[in-house]
């Protein structure tokens, strides 16, 4: 399946610029699934690495397939403290009166929306009892309209017939748009990347770029926190805070945009426009800035503006239902890792690097759009199979020997699967809390 994924990704990145070196993939792994998750991990990380080697002027690039599978999960290993849970206490799968539904309640306002609709206490048994009184689609719709995040489980066949499923099939894996021409050349070392992404997919992309020399500045609003993943995705980045509803912060943000080489964001379609930073405004402020963006359910169709996360998209598009069927379980069986997030993140990194290469080759400034749902199609289109695989066992040699001095205490991180010119990745900034740096380049 690795070759099938790689061919589709190569097509999506475009034929204009050919790779300058082949990726050598070593080792093997097979995460337990009826989908080729480990091959997806190797293929997407290899795509980002292949774009990287052309900019870094290295002659070799190697990807360890076993480490690639491990990097589709959490990679930090605390030594003096414990990682907080990535999940809220009531997040998860529940049985409605006609099927299954997943509630995503990690953000407090999403949790409040779900509990308001259900009219129950923040207690898992109480939530389960309340959910059982609803139809899955009826409840999904009610929670989404209330400002929450939920997904009823569909089969792959039902998703293919769904209006949003049909819309996704018409979208490219990476949608490219040319913004401008005659831009100055750029290099990866010191590349100014303005990061407006949250939780996982976008932060995975900017983490990759930071590890190979980009100057990544992450911006978060004052009220946002994601304690379950901050230790995982903040490594290598400076982290500032701005409130884009305040005039002084908006002015500072505009100055950052003017100097940025790349903007990475995960706002739903229309959300940046609502803040006054739609495509026209961004072009006026920063005509030579590359833009890479993602959303959950795609950029067209009736669900284009729907809130979504990896675990919800897996329920919607049939992955969890197919896993349940092939594993012979009596409940949804999602992928063993948040593979849609990670795969989309590495595809975003590949797109950003390809755009830098385009800029250097012909002065073209590009914008790229991706989505979790379209990445899901990349995985499912190669077809499900029998449920095979096992957990990838971590060995002592998989862990970096030097401790990472995070804001929460000492930890070790898994070795990154990519070596460029025989050299491993190096992050200069350890993981830490949000909003601790000044919002300046």
Foldseek 3Di string as FASTA:
>chain_A
DLVLLLVQLVVLLHDPDDFPEAEAEDEDFQAWALFRLLSLLQNLLRLLQSLVCVQVVFHYKYFYSLLSVVLLAFFWFFDPDDADAQADPQFAWEAACAAIKTFGCLDPQQVVLLCVVLVFDPDNVGSNVSRNDDDRVVSQVSSQVSVHHMAAFDALVVLCVDQLSVVLVPDRQKDKDWQDFDDDADGLAAQEEEEAEDDFQQLLQVQVSLLVHYAYEYEDEPPDDRRNCLQRRQFSYHFAYADLVDPVRVVLVLVSLLPHQEYEHEAQVPPCVVSVCPPVNSCVSHSNHAYEYEYARDCDGPCSRTHDALVRLCRSNRRQVVRCVQVVHPHGDHGPGSSLSNSSNSSSNSSVSSQSVVCNPTRIHMYIYHYSNSSVCSGPVVHGRHGDGHDSDDDPVQWDPDWFQEPVGTIIGGFGRMDGSNHGTDRPGRRYDHRPDHSDD
